[in-house]
N, C-alpha and C. Protein backbone atom coordinates (compact mmCIF):
# COMPACT_ATOMS: atom_id res chain seq x y z
N UNK A 1 145.68 24.42 150.39
CA UNK A 1 146.53 23.94 150.95
C UNK A 1 146.23 24.39 152.72
N UNK A 2 145.71 23.70 154.03
CA UNK A 2 145.27 24.99 154.94
C UNK A 2 146.69 24.27 155.69
N UNK A 3 147.35 25.17 156.63
CA UNK A 3 148.59 24.92 157.30
C UNK A 3 148.05 24.47 158.87
N UNK A 4 148.93 24.24 159.46
CA UNK A 4 148.22 23.49 160.57
C UNK A 4 148.46 24.23 161.84
N UNK A 5 147.49 24.15 162.87
CA UNK A 5 147.40 25.41 163.96
C UNK A 5 148.49 25.25 164.55
N UNK A 6 149.37 24.13 164.29
CA UNK A 6 150.87 24.38 165.41
C UNK A 6 152.24 24.78 164.71
N UNK A 7 151.68 24.44 163.58
CA UNK A 7 152.95 25.45 162.55
C UNK A 7 152.83 27.12 162.59
N UNK A 8 154.07 27.60 162.92
CA UNK A 8 154.86 28.87 162.95
C UNK A 8 154.22 29.61 161.86
N UNK A 9 153.96 30.95 161.67
CA UNK A 9 153.22 31.70 160.94
C UNK A 9 154.53 32.61 160.74
N UNK A 10 154.63 33.28 159.30
CA UNK A 10 155.45 34.23 159.00
C UNK A 10 155.27 35.21 159.55
N UNK A 11 154.34 35.96 160.21
CA UNK A 11 154.04 37.17 160.82
C UNK A 11 154.12 37.16 162.58
N UNK A 12 154.18 35.73 162.92
CA UNK A 12 154.23 35.47 164.52
C UNK A 12 155.76 34.63 164.42
N UNK A 13 156.36 35.26 165.55
CA UNK A 13 157.56 35.04 166.70
C UNK A 13 156.97 33.88 167.64
N UNK A 14 155.83 33.16 167.40
CA UNK A 14 155.39 32.35 168.70
C UNK A 14 154.66 31.10 168.14
N UNK A 15 154.69 30.20 168.48
CA UNK A 15 154.33 28.96 168.02
C UNK A 15 153.95 28.20 169.24
N UNK A 16 153.15 27.15 169.25
CA UNK A 16 152.49 26.72 170.00
C UNK A 16 153.21 25.39 169.62
N UNK A 17 153.97 24.62 170.57
CA UNK A 17 154.44 22.95 170.36
C UNK A 17 153.41 22.30 171.49
N UNK A 18 153.01 21.79 170.41
CA UNK A 18 152.41 20.08 171.72
C UNK A 18 152.75 18.96 171.15
N UNK A 19 152.90 18.11 171.82
CA UNK A 19 153.74 16.66 171.81
C UNK A 19 154.16 15.98 172.53
N UNK A 20 154.81 15.03 172.28
CA UNK A 20 155.35 14.07 173.16
C UNK A 20 156.91 14.37 173.29
N UNK A 21 157.72 14.41 174.32
CA UNK A 21 159.15 14.51 174.65
C UNK A 21 160.30 12.97 174.28
N UNK A 22 160.83 13.37 173.21
CA UNK A 22 161.47 12.26 172.69
C UNK A 22 162.67 12.42 173.39
N UNK A 23 163.43 13.30 173.82
CA UNK A 23 165.22 13.61 174.66
C UNK A 23 165.47 14.87 175.19
N UNK A 24 165.56 14.46 176.52
CA UNK A 24 166.05 15.78 177.51
C UNK A 24 167.26 15.81 177.19
N UNK A 25 168.35 16.61 176.53
CA UNK A 25 169.93 16.96 176.79
C UNK A 25 170.24 17.32 177.85
N UNK A 26 171.48 16.90 178.28
CA UNK A 26 171.83 16.83 179.82
C UNK A 26 171.68 18.67 179.78
N UNK A 27 171.97 19.72 180.76
CA UNK A 27 171.57 20.86 181.07
C UNK A 27 173.10 21.64 181.20
N UNK A 28 173.74 22.80 180.20
CA UNK A 28 174.75 23.39 180.27
C UNK A 28 174.52 25.08 180.43
N UNK A 29 175.20 25.68 180.89
CA UNK A 29 175.69 26.88 181.02
C UNK A 29 175.60 27.81 180.02
N UNK A 30 174.95 29.20 179.93
CA UNK A 30 175.77 29.87 178.79
C UNK A 30 175.49 30.95 179.94
N UNK A 31 176.34 32.01 179.05
CA UNK A 31 176.89 33.88 179.69
C UNK A 31 176.04 34.47 178.75
N UNK A 32 175.56 35.46 179.56
CA UNK A 32 175.08 36.57 178.71
C UNK A 32 175.94 37.94 179.29
N UNK A 33 176.49 38.76 178.13
CA UNK A 33 177.29 39.94 178.68
C UNK A 33 176.27 40.72 178.89
N UNK A 34 176.89 41.79 180.30
CA UNK A 34 176.21 43.40 180.16
C UNK A 34 176.13 44.01 179.37
N UNK A 35 175.08 44.31 178.80
CA UNK A 35 175.66 45.94 177.87
C UNK A 35 176.13 47.38 178.72
N UNK A 36 176.80 47.42 177.85
CA UNK A 36 178.58 48.64 178.83
C UNK A 36 177.18 49.82 178.95
N UNK A 37 176.30 50.13 178.42
CA UNK A 37 175.39 51.24 178.71
C UNK A 37 174.51 51.21 180.18
N UNK A 38 174.64 50.47 180.38
CA UNK A 38 173.87 49.47 181.28
C UNK A 38 175.20 49.41 182.92
N UNK A 39 176.33 49.19 182.44
CA UNK A 39 177.34 48.49 183.55
C UNK A 39 177.86 49.50 184.18
N UNK A 40 178.62 50.70 183.04
CA UNK A 40 179.84 51.87 183.13
C UNK A 40 178.72 52.80 184.37
N UNK A 41 177.57 53.52 183.82
CA UNK A 41 176.70 53.97 184.24
C UNK A 41 176.56 53.72 186.17
N UNK A 42 176.40 52.62 186.17
CA UNK A 42 175.96 51.72 186.92
C UNK A 42 177.66 51.85 188.38
N UNK A 43 178.55 51.21 187.85
CA UNK A 43 179.33 50.95 188.29
C UNK A 43 180.18 52.46 189.22
N UNK A 44 180.55 53.20 188.06
CA UNK A 44 180.44 54.67 188.21
C UNK A 44 179.40 55.66 189.27
N UNK A 45 178.50 55.28 189.41
CA UNK A 45 177.55 55.75 190.32
C UNK A 45 178.34 55.34 191.74
N UNK A 46 177.98 54.12 191.32
CA UNK A 46 179.06 52.98 193.00
C UNK A 46 180.01 53.44 193.51
N UNK A 47 180.70 53.91 192.87
CA UNK A 47 182.47 54.67 192.76
C UNK A 47 182.61 55.85 193.60
N UNK A 48 181.10 56.82 193.46
CA UNK A 48 180.89 58.25 194.28
C UNK A 48 180.26 57.89 195.59
N UNK A 49 180.10 56.71 195.46
CA UNK A 49 179.44 56.46 197.11
C UNK A 49 181.32 56.08 197.82
N UNK A 50 182.05 54.84 196.86
CA UNK A 50 182.91 54.55 197.50
C UNK A 50 184.06 55.49 197.91
N UNK A 51 184.56 56.58 197.13
CA UNK A 51 185.05 57.98 197.31
C UNK A 51 184.38 58.33 199.01
N UNK A 52 183.35 59.11 198.45
CA UNK A 52 182.46 59.20 199.56
C UNK A 52 182.84 58.91 201.40
N UNK A 53 182.82 57.44 200.79
CA UNK A 53 183.33 56.52 201.87
C UNK A 53 184.25 56.26 202.19
N UNK A 54 185.60 55.99 201.22
CA UNK A 54 186.87 56.69 201.93
C UNK A 54 187.28 57.66 202.24
N UNK A 55 187.18 58.63 201.84
CA UNK A 55 186.59 60.20 202.63
C UNK A 55 186.61 60.10 203.97
N UNK A 56 185.00 59.63 204.50
CA UNK A 56 184.93 60.02 206.01
C UNK A 56 185.57 58.28 206.52
N UNK A 57 186.01 57.17 205.77
CA UNK A 57 186.62 56.44 206.82
C UNK A 57 188.27 57.24 207.26
N UNK A 58 188.83 57.57 206.51
CA UNK A 58 190.35 58.67 206.67
C UNK A 58 189.60 59.64 207.85
N UNK A 59 189.03 60.54 207.88
CA UNK A 59 188.56 60.90 208.60
C UNK A 59 188.56 60.44 210.00
N UNK A 60 187.53 59.66 210.20
CA UNK A 60 187.20 59.32 211.41
C UNK A 60 188.26 57.86 211.79
N UNK A 61 189.41 57.71 210.63
CA UNK A 61 190.48 56.76 210.83
C UNK A 61 189.80 55.22 210.90
N UNK A 62 189.07 54.80 210.25
CA UNK A 62 188.38 53.57 210.08
C UNK A 62 189.15 52.74 209.18
N UNK A 63 188.92 51.80 208.93
CA UNK A 63 189.68 50.49 208.27
C UNK A 63 189.29 50.17 207.20
N UNK A 64 190.05 50.57 206.06
CA UNK A 64 188.98 50.49 204.55
C UNK A 64 188.63 49.16 204.41
N UNK A 65 187.91 48.69 203.93
CA UNK A 65 186.66 47.63 203.23
C UNK A 65 187.71 47.04 202.51
N UNK A 66 187.45 46.14 201.89
CA UNK A 66 187.87 45.17 200.87
C UNK A 66 187.55 45.49 199.40
N UNK A 67 187.74 45.56 198.47
CA UNK A 67 187.16 46.05 197.29
C UNK A 67 186.06 45.05 196.66
N UNK A 68 184.76 45.36 196.23
CA UNK A 68 184.30 44.62 195.37
C UNK A 68 184.69 43.87 194.04
N UNK A 69 183.49 42.70 193.58
CA UNK A 69 183.66 42.23 192.03
C UNK A 69 184.64 42.94 191.27
N UNK A 70 185.74 42.42 190.35
CA UNK A 70 186.15 43.38 189.51
C UNK A 70 184.96 43.50 188.43
N UNK A 71 185.75 44.79 187.32
CA UNK A 71 185.38 45.09 186.53
C UNK A 71 184.77 44.14 185.36
N UNK A 72 185.76 43.30 185.09
CA UNK A 72 185.53 41.86 183.87
C UNK A 72 184.83 40.69 184.83
N UNK A 73 184.18 41.02 185.71
CA UNK A 73 183.73 39.57 186.39
C UNK A 73 182.27 40.08 185.82
N UNK A 74 181.84 41.35 186.18
CA UNK A 74 180.75 42.31 186.11
C UNK A 74 180.28 42.40 184.75
N UNK A 75 181.38 42.46 183.62
CA UNK A 75 181.12 42.81 182.47
C UNK A 75 180.58 41.17 181.63
N UNK A 76 181.05 39.97 182.26
CA UNK A 76 180.89 38.92 181.75
C UNK A 76 179.45 38.83 181.80
N UNK A 77 178.86 39.27 182.67
CA UNK A 77 177.18 38.67 182.91
C UNK A 77 176.96 37.60 183.53
N UNK A 78 175.32 37.41 183.69
CA UNK A 78 174.86 36.54 184.25
C UNK A 78 175.15 35.19 184.06
N UNK A 79 175.24 33.81 184.41
CA UNK A 79 175.29 32.57 183.28
C UNK A 79 173.45 31.70 183.90
N UNK A 80 173.37 31.18 182.55
CA UNK A 80 172.09 30.37 182.94
C UNK A 80 171.71 29.63 182.58
N UNK A 81 171.17 28.40 183.43
CA UNK A 81 171.16 26.94 182.90
C UNK A 81 170.32 27.34 181.49
N UNK A 82 170.60 26.35 180.46
CA UNK A 82 170.16 26.27 179.05
C UNK A 82 169.88 24.35 178.97
N UNK A 83 168.35 23.72 179.15
CA UNK A 83 168.21 22.63 179.03
C UNK A 83 167.49 22.04 177.61
N UNK A 84 168.18 21.61 176.73
CA UNK A 84 167.14 21.14 175.53
C UNK A 84 166.19 20.26 175.31
N UNK A 85 165.52 20.24 175.08
CA UNK A 85 164.34 19.40 175.48
C UNK A 85 163.54 18.79 173.77
N UNK A 86 163.23 17.89 173.11
CA UNK A 86 163.23 17.63 171.78
C UNK A 86 161.83 16.98 171.97
N UNK A 87 160.99 17.60 170.63
CA UNK A 87 159.84 16.92 171.23
C UNK A 87 159.15 16.42 169.53
N UNK A 88 158.29 15.37 169.32
CA UNK A 88 157.57 14.72 168.30
C UNK A 88 156.42 15.40 168.68
N UNK A 89 156.01 16.90 167.44
CA UNK A 89 154.80 16.95 167.42
C UNK A 89 154.03 16.22 166.97
N UNK A 90 152.32 17.11 166.37
CA UNK A 90 151.30 15.98 165.99
C UNK A 90 151.68 16.30 164.62
N UNK A 91 152.64 16.80 163.81
CA UNK A 91 152.90 16.37 162.23
C UNK A 91 153.75 15.44 162.35
N UNK A 92 154.07 14.77 163.30
CA UNK A 92 155.36 13.86 163.07
C UNK A 92 156.42 14.30 163.35
N UNK A 93 156.56 15.67 163.31
CA UNK A 93 158.50 16.12 163.54
C UNK A 93 158.96 16.81 164.67
N UNK A 94 160.18 16.26 164.12
CA UNK A 94 160.84 16.72 165.85
C UNK A 94 161.25 18.36 166.14
N UNK A 95 161.08 18.87 167.21
CA UNK A 95 160.93 20.28 166.88
C UNK A 95 161.87 20.64 168.68
N UNK A 96 162.85 21.23 168.10
CA UNK A 96 164.22 21.79 169.47
C UNK A 96 163.27 22.73 170.08
N UNK A 97 163.42 22.73 171.36
CA UNK A 97 163.09 23.68 171.93
C UNK A 97 164.33 23.84 173.38
N UNK A 98 164.45 24.78 173.65
CA UNK A 98 165.34 25.42 174.69
C UNK A 98 164.44 26.21 176.11
N UNK A 99 165.11 25.77 176.94
CA UNK A 99 164.06 26.04 178.28
C UNK A 99 165.89 26.56 179.49
N UNK A 100 165.00 28.15 179.40
CA UNK A 100 166.14 28.62 180.36
C UNK A 100 166.15 29.16 181.30
N UNK A 101 167.11 28.46 182.87
CA UNK A 101 166.09 28.06 183.93
C UNK A 101 166.86 27.16 184.16
N UNK A 102 166.76 27.09 186.23
CA UNK A 102 166.87 25.78 186.67
C UNK A 102 165.77 24.28 186.18
N UNK A 103 165.67 23.49 185.24
CA UNK A 103 164.58 22.49 185.23
C UNK A 103 164.80 21.05 186.24
N UNK A 104 164.15 20.87 187.29
CA UNK A 104 164.55 19.28 187.87
C UNK A 104 164.21 18.31 186.80
N UNK A 105 165.57 17.60 186.81
CA UNK A 105 165.46 16.48 185.92
C UNK A 105 164.18 15.24 186.01
N UNK A 106 163.42 15.74 186.81
CA UNK A 106 162.27 14.69 186.95
C UNK A 106 161.31 15.45 186.58
N UNK A 107 161.33 16.92 186.31
CA UNK A 107 159.91 17.45 185.46
C UNK A 107 159.56 17.01 184.16
N UNK A 108 160.36 17.02 183.61
CA UNK A 108 160.09 16.52 181.79
C UNK A 108 160.98 15.25 182.22
N UNK A 109 159.80 13.77 181.58
CA UNK A 109 160.57 13.27 181.45
C UNK A 109 160.87 12.56 179.79
N UNK A 110 161.43 11.87 179.07
CA UNK A 110 160.80 10.88 177.53
C UNK A 110 159.61 10.24 178.01
N UNK A 111 159.32 10.07 177.06
CA UNK A 111 157.49 10.48 176.42
C UNK A 111 156.61 11.20 177.53
N UNK A 112 156.68 11.97 178.09
CA UNK A 112 155.44 13.30 178.81
C UNK A 112 155.20 13.63 177.41
N UNK A 113 153.78 13.73 177.34
CA UNK A 113 153.16 14.98 176.33
C UNK A 113 152.67 16.17 176.68
N UNK A 114 153.70 17.10 176.29
CA UNK A 114 153.65 18.80 176.67
C UNK A 114 153.23 19.40 175.76
N UNK A 115 152.62 21.11 176.30
CA UNK A 115 152.08 21.86 175.51
C UNK A 115 153.25 23.30 175.96
N UNK A 116 153.51 24.32 174.89
CA UNK A 116 154.46 25.29 175.38
C UNK A 116 153.84 26.27 174.70
N UNK A 117 154.25 27.50 174.78
CA UNK A 117 154.01 28.54 173.58
C UNK A 117 155.68 29.09 173.35
N UNK A 118 155.99 28.51 172.57
CA UNK A 118 157.76 29.16 172.06
C UNK A 118 157.71 29.89 171.06
N UNK A 119 158.98 30.69 171.37
CA UNK A 119 159.39 31.93 170.41
C UNK A 119 160.63 31.84 169.81
N UNK A 120 160.41 32.80 168.60
CA UNK A 120 162.14 32.65 168.08
C UNK A 120 163.14 33.24 168.65
N UNK A 121 164.30 32.43 168.71
CA UNK A 121 165.54 33.20 169.32
C UNK A 121 166.00 33.99 168.14
N UNK A 122 166.98 35.24 168.66
CA UNK A 122 167.92 35.60 167.48
C UNK A 122 169.21 34.43 167.29
N UNK A 123 169.11 34.51 166.60
CA UNK A 123 170.45 33.61 165.40
C UNK A 123 169.92 32.73 164.98
N UNK A 124 171.09 31.54 164.89
CA UNK A 124 170.47 30.34 164.85
C UNK A 124 170.31 29.41 165.86
N UNK A 125 169.81 29.68 166.96
CA UNK A 125 169.25 29.39 168.09
C UNK A 125 167.94 28.78 167.98
N UNK A 126 167.56 27.31 169.10
CA UNK A 126 166.10 26.94 168.85
C UNK A 126 164.98 27.20 169.74
N UNK A 127 163.94 27.20 169.37
CA UNK A 127 162.59 28.32 169.93
C UNK A 127 163.14 27.83 171.26
N UNK A 128 162.49 29.26 171.88
CA UNK A 128 162.75 29.30 173.84
C UNK A 128 161.47 28.58 173.66
N UNK A 129 161.19 27.41 174.51
CA UNK A 129 159.93 27.48 175.32
C UNK A 129 159.65 28.07 176.76
N UNK A 130 158.30 28.47 176.50
CA UNK A 130 157.75 29.43 177.75
C UNK A 130 157.45 28.44 178.89
N UNK A 131 156.61 28.85 179.22
CA UNK A 131 156.41 27.92 180.63
C UNK A 131 155.72 26.12 180.10
N UNK A 132 155.93 25.48 180.52
CA UNK A 132 155.86 23.76 180.03
C UNK A 132 155.21 23.23 180.43
N UNK A 133 153.70 22.80 180.06
CA UNK A 133 152.51 22.60 180.48
C UNK A 133 152.69 21.13 180.29
N UNK A 134 153.21 20.03 181.82
CA UNK A 134 153.10 18.42 181.64
C UNK A 134 151.84 17.85 181.65
N UNK A 135 151.57 18.03 180.54
CA UNK A 135 150.09 17.07 180.23
C UNK A 135 150.08 15.75 181.06
N UNK A 136 150.94 14.95 180.79
CA UNK A 136 151.44 14.17 182.11
C UNK A 136 151.30 13.51 183.21
N UNK A 137 151.68 14.82 183.57
CA UNK A 137 151.37 15.27 184.95
C UNK A 137 150.63 16.14 185.51
N UNK A 138 150.15 17.00 184.73
CA UNK A 138 149.46 18.21 184.98
C UNK A 138 150.50 19.19 185.66
N UNK A 139 151.63 19.43 185.67
CA UNK A 139 152.58 20.16 186.37
C UNK A 139 152.53 21.50 185.22
N UNK A 140 152.31 22.62 185.58
CA UNK A 140 153.34 23.98 185.04
C UNK A 140 154.38 23.76 185.06
N UNK A 141 155.34 23.75 184.26
CA UNK A 141 156.89 24.12 184.69
C UNK A 141 157.05 25.48 184.34
N UNK A 142 157.34 26.37 185.56
CA UNK A 142 158.10 27.64 184.53
C UNK A 142 159.96 27.83 185.40
N UNK A 143 160.77 27.48 184.38
CA UNK A 143 162.31 28.15 184.79
C UNK A 143 162.25 29.32 184.66
N UNK A 144 162.98 29.70 185.48
CA UNK A 144 163.12 31.30 185.76
C UNK A 144 164.63 31.34 185.40
N UNK A 145 165.53 32.34 184.18
CA UNK A 145 166.72 31.91 184.14
C UNK A 145 167.61 33.59 185.37
N UNK A 146 168.68 33.30 185.61
CA UNK A 146 169.25 34.52 186.28
C UNK A 146 169.00 35.70 185.47
N UNK A 147 168.94 36.87 186.65
CA UNK A 147 168.61 38.34 185.98
C UNK A 147 169.94 39.46 186.13
N UNK A 148 169.88 40.37 185.58
CA UNK A 148 170.53 41.11 186.07
C UNK A 148 170.96 41.71 186.83
N UNK A 149 169.79 41.83 187.82
CA UNK A 149 169.46 42.45 189.32
C UNK A 149 170.84 41.30 190.04
N UNK A 150 170.47 39.51 189.18
CA UNK A 150 170.79 38.80 190.12
C UNK A 150 172.45 38.65 190.34
N UNK A 151 172.44 38.79 189.26
CA UNK A 151 174.41 38.78 188.39
C UNK A 151 174.62 40.48 189.24
N UNK A 152 174.68 41.19 189.38
CA UNK A 152 175.52 42.42 190.02
C UNK A 152 174.88 42.57 191.40
N UNK A 153 174.32 42.33 191.62
CA UNK A 153 173.96 42.09 192.96
C UNK A 153 173.13 43.40 193.86
N UNK A 154 171.80 43.06 194.74
CA UNK A 154 171.27 44.49 195.47
C UNK A 154 172.20 45.04 196.09
N UNK A 155 173.65 44.86 196.34
CA UNK A 155 174.28 45.44 196.84
C UNK A 155 174.81 47.04 196.24
N UNK A 156 175.04 46.55 195.09
CA UNK A 156 176.01 47.54 194.00
C UNK A 156 174.75 47.86 193.36
N UNK A 157 173.82 48.13 193.25
CA UNK A 157 172.03 48.76 192.45
C UNK A 157 172.13 49.84 193.53
N UNK A 158 172.14 49.55 194.91
CA UNK A 158 171.72 49.94 196.10
C UNK A 158 172.38 51.33 196.25
N UNK A 159 173.77 50.86 196.00
CA UNK A 159 174.90 51.62 195.90
C UNK A 159 174.96 52.84 195.40
N UNK A 160 174.65 52.41 193.94
CA UNK A 160 175.15 53.42 192.25
C UNK A 160 173.05 54.26 193.15
N UNK A 161 172.09 53.68 192.92
CA UNK A 161 171.06 54.39 193.38
C UNK A 161 171.52 55.67 194.50
N UNK A 162 171.99 55.10 195.96
CA UNK A 162 172.38 56.39 196.47
C UNK A 162 173.50 56.98 196.37
N UNK A 163 174.61 56.66 195.10
CA UNK A 163 175.76 57.09 194.37
C UNK A 163 174.87 58.74 193.56
N UNK A 164 173.96 57.79 192.59
CA UNK A 164 172.86 58.97 191.84
C UNK A 164 172.32 60.49 193.03
N UNK A 165 171.81 60.04 194.15
CA UNK A 165 171.17 60.94 195.11
C UNK A 165 172.59 61.85 194.82
N UNK A 166 173.71 61.36 195.91
CA UNK A 166 174.54 61.96 195.88
C UNK A 166 175.08 62.90 194.97
N UNK A 167 174.81 62.42 193.88
CA UNK A 167 175.74 63.42 192.51
C UNK A 167 174.40 65.01 192.47
N UNK A 168 173.10 63.87 192.68
CA UNK A 168 172.00 65.01 192.27
C UNK A 168 171.94 65.91 193.51
N UNK A 169 171.86 66.05 194.72
CA UNK A 169 172.57 67.08 195.94
C UNK A 169 173.59 68.08 195.41
N UNK A 170 174.72 67.36 194.62
CA UNK A 170 175.99 68.18 194.61
C UNK A 170 175.35 68.83 193.26
N UNK A 171 175.33 68.60 192.71
CA UNK A 171 174.65 69.41 191.28
C UNK A 171 174.00 70.57 191.81
N UNK A 172 172.99 70.08 192.44
CA UNK A 172 172.15 71.08 193.13
C UNK A 172 172.52 72.10 194.15
N UNK A 173 173.52 71.86 194.63
CA UNK A 173 174.21 72.58 195.68
C UNK A 173 174.84 73.71 194.42
N UNK A 174 175.47 72.82 193.25
CA UNK A 174 176.43 73.78 193.14
C UNK A 174 175.37 74.54 191.71
N UNK A 175 174.19 74.17 191.74
CA UNK A 175 173.59 75.10 190.99
C UNK A 175 173.17 76.30 191.47
N UNK A 176 172.45 75.48 193.05
CA UNK A 176 172.30 77.14 193.79
C UNK A 176 173.54 78.06 194.39
N UNK A 177 174.26 77.83 194.17
CA UNK A 177 175.93 78.84 194.32
C UNK A 177 175.61 79.82 193.58
N UNK A 178 175.24 79.80 191.98
CA UNK A 178 175.50 79.83 191.07
C UNK A 178 174.76 81.64 191.07
């Protein structure tokens, strides 16, 4: 018994999917939770900078700025767009693919021939498409989902880095006095 070069192997989580698009479903949003091990230290270090800023503003009698996004909103995580694409492959079987990130509605149409390297996802989710080569149009599509950095914001990350520097300097100063 010979296996198809497009069939998934038991040792590999990747599969080449090549065929004709039969359906492109409406995109929907999916949220990803931010791991507590990442979020809480980041927010804690940012609060150190907030405290130093509040003390300096109090000494200089400057107005206090408005608060940042609540922790509950940050914990919720980034939402990214998921588009389901159904492909009829060389074995005449239907393959369900998920595309994560914004996909222009005219980028992949019914009857387009595509090729992608898809990988398995955790749980019962369909295969996740990698870059999609549209053989009909000759374009390569690379949708990119939201990242943790875009969700948290560059400002919060930079503030946490400054907080880490301040905590390090404070600990070094305390260690030098002993």
